């Protein structure tokens, strides 16, 4: 296996990398999705179905658990893919009906995507 590129070495020295190996961003998003379940069950404007929110809460919680068990590579990959899926399913609705809670959920998904996506790019692409 070849040595990591200089950009990967520089990335591994940043606080951003350390954050990408911690489970807290995923657990925060999991808690946010769980807190949004009552609003989703009431059918609040801009909110996904409550079953969707329960599913995403479980997925983000499990993804954080992967990182907690020292599998940051797979945890970051799972977070990246499910953040993209959340945005694919809900971004248009949130933009069309800008309400605080759906906007906060989209912001959390984007934040997790940026944090874990960079780690996933490092693992999968070596950049």
Protein backbone atom coordinates (compact mmCIF):
# COMPACT_ATOMS: atom_id res chain seq x y z
CA UNK A 1 0.00 0.00 0.00
CA UNK A 2 1.33 3.42 -0.90
CA UNK A 3 1.89 6.25 1.52
CA UNK A 4 -0.99 8.70 2.06
CA UNK A 5 -0.97 11.86 -0.03
CA UNK A 6 0.17 15.14 1.54
CA UNK A 7 -3.45 16.40 1.63
CA UNK A 8 -4.52 13.32 3.60
CA UNK A 9 -1.64 13.78 6.04
CA UNK A 10 -2.58 17.44 6.53
CA UNK A 11 -6.25 16.51 7.00
CA UNK A 12 -5.42 13.92 9.66
CA UNK A 13 -3.79 16.64 11.78
CA UNK A 14 -6.90 18.85 11.91
CA UNK A 15 -9.63 19.06 14.54
CA UNK A 16 -12.08 18.33 11.71
CA UNK A 17 -10.59 14.83 11.38
CA UNK A 18 -10.86 14.26 15.12
CA UNK A 19 -14.53 15.30 14.97
CA UNK A 20 -15.09 12.88 12.08
CA UNK A 21 -13.91 9.99 14.26
CA UNK A 22 -16.22 10.87 17.18
CA UNK A 23 -19.84 9.65 17.41
CA UNK A 24 -21.26 12.93 18.73
CA UNK A 25 -22.36 14.54 15.44
CA UNK A 26 -24.36 11.42 14.56
CA UNK A 27 -25.83 11.08 18.03
CA UNK A 28 -26.79 14.75 17.97
CA UNK A 29 -28.62 14.25 14.67
CA UNK A 30 -30.24 11.11 16.03
CA UNK A 31 -31.52 13.06 19.04
CA UNK A 32 -32.74 15.85 16.77
CA UNK A 33 -34.65 13.38 14.60
CA UNK A 34 -36.13 11.77 17.70
CA UNK A 35 -37.17 15.18 19.06
CA UNK A 36 -38.89 15.92 15.74
CA UNK A 37 -41.06 12.78 15.84
CA UNK A 38 -43.98 14.44 17.72
CA UNK A 39 -44.09 17.32 15.22
CA UNK A 40 -43.93 14.86 12.33
CA UNK A 41 -46.74 12.78 13.88
CA UNK A 42 -48.92 15.91 14.01
CA UNK A 43 -48.24 16.52 10.33
CA UNK A 44 -46.45 19.85 10.82
CA UNK A 45 -45.70 21.79 7.65
CA UNK A 46 -42.48 20.76 5.97
CA UNK A 47 -41.94 17.69 8.15
CA UNK A 48 -41.46 14.18 6.78
CA UNK A 49 -43.66 11.30 7.93
CA UNK A 50 -43.06 10.29 11.55
CA UNK A 51 -41.94 6.81 10.48
CA UNK A 52 -39.24 8.38 8.36
CA UNK A 53 -38.05 10.40 11.33
CA UNK A 54 -37.96 7.29 13.53
CA UNK A 55 -35.93 5.47 10.88
CA UNK A 56 -33.42 8.26 10.47
CA UNK A 57 -33.08 8.58 14.23
CA UNK A 58 -32.21 4.88 14.45
CA UNK A 59 -29.82 5.02 11.49
CA UNK A 60 -27.89 8.00 12.81
CA UNK A 61 -27.77 6.42 16.27
CA UNK A 62 -26.36 3.20 14.84
CA UNK A 63 -23.88 5.12 12.73
CA UNK A 64 -22.63 6.91 15.84
CA UNK A 65 -22.41 3.54 17.58
CA UNK A 66 -20.15 2.27 14.79
CA UNK A 67 -17.81 5.19 15.43
CA UNK A 68 -18.02 4.59 19.18
CA UNK A 69 -16.87 1.01 18.59
CA UNK A 70 -13.75 2.37 16.78
CA UNK A 71 -15.03 1.78 13.25
CA UNK A 72 -14.90 5.39 12.09
CA UNK A 73 -14.46 4.43 8.43
CA UNK A 74 -17.73 2.52 8.15
CA UNK A 75 -19.53 4.89 10.52
CA UNK A 76 -18.55 7.83 8.34
CA UNK A 77 -19.60 6.01 5.19
CA UNK A 78 -23.00 5.20 6.67
CA UNK A 79 -23.48 8.77 7.86
CA UNK A 80 -22.47 10.17 4.48
CA UNK A 81 -24.84 7.96 2.52
CA UNK A 82 -27.83 8.46 4.81
CA UNK A 83 -27.26 12.21 5.01
CA UNK A 84 -27.38 12.30 1.21
CA UNK A 85 -30.57 10.23 1.27
CA UNK A 86 -32.16 12.54 3.86
CA UNK A 87 -31.30 15.57 1.74
CA UNK A 88 -32.55 13.88 -1.44
CA UNK A 89 -35.90 13.13 0.21
CA UNK A 90 -36.46 16.33 2.19
CA UNK A 91 -34.45 19.28 0.85
CA UNK A 92 -37.02 20.41 -1.74
CA UNK A 93 -39.86 20.31 0.79
CA UNK A 94 -37.80 22.30 3.28
CA UNK A 95 -36.88 24.94 0.72
CA UNK A 96 -40.49 25.32 -0.44
CA UNK A 97 -41.93 25.47 3.09
CA UNK A 98 -39.21 27.06 5.25
CA UNK A 99 -40.12 26.21 8.83
CA UNK A 100 -37.62 26.19 11.73
CA UNK A 101 -37.59 22.47 12.62
CA UNK A 102 -37.29 21.07 9.08
CA UNK A 103 -34.61 23.67 8.33
CA UNK A 104 -32.70 22.60 11.45
CA UNK A 105 -32.92 18.95 10.38
CA UNK A 106 -31.58 19.79 6.92
CA UNK A 107 -28.77 21.83 8.49
CA UNK A 108 -27.89 18.84 10.70
CA UNK A 109 -27.83 16.52 7.69
CA UNK A 110 -25.58 18.94 5.77
CA UNK A 111 -23.27 19.27 8.76
CA UNK A 112 -22.99 15.49 9.14
CA UNK A 113 -22.45 15.18 5.40
CA UNK A 114 -19.57 17.65 5.47
CA UNK A 115 -17.92 16.11 8.54
CA UNK A 116 -18.27 12.46 7.57
CA UNK A 117 -18.10 13.01 3.82
CA UNK A 118 -14.55 14.30 4.06
CA UNK A 119 -13.55 11.25 6.10
CA UNK A 120 -15.28 8.97 3.57
CA UNK A 121 -13.45 10.69 0.70
CA UNK A 122 -10.18 10.07 2.49
CA UNK A 123 -10.95 6.38 3.02
CA UNK A 124 -12.48 5.60 -0.38
CA UNK A 125 -10.61 7.95 -2.71
CA UNK A 126 -7.43 8.76 -0.81
CA UNK A 127 -7.93 12.52 -1.14
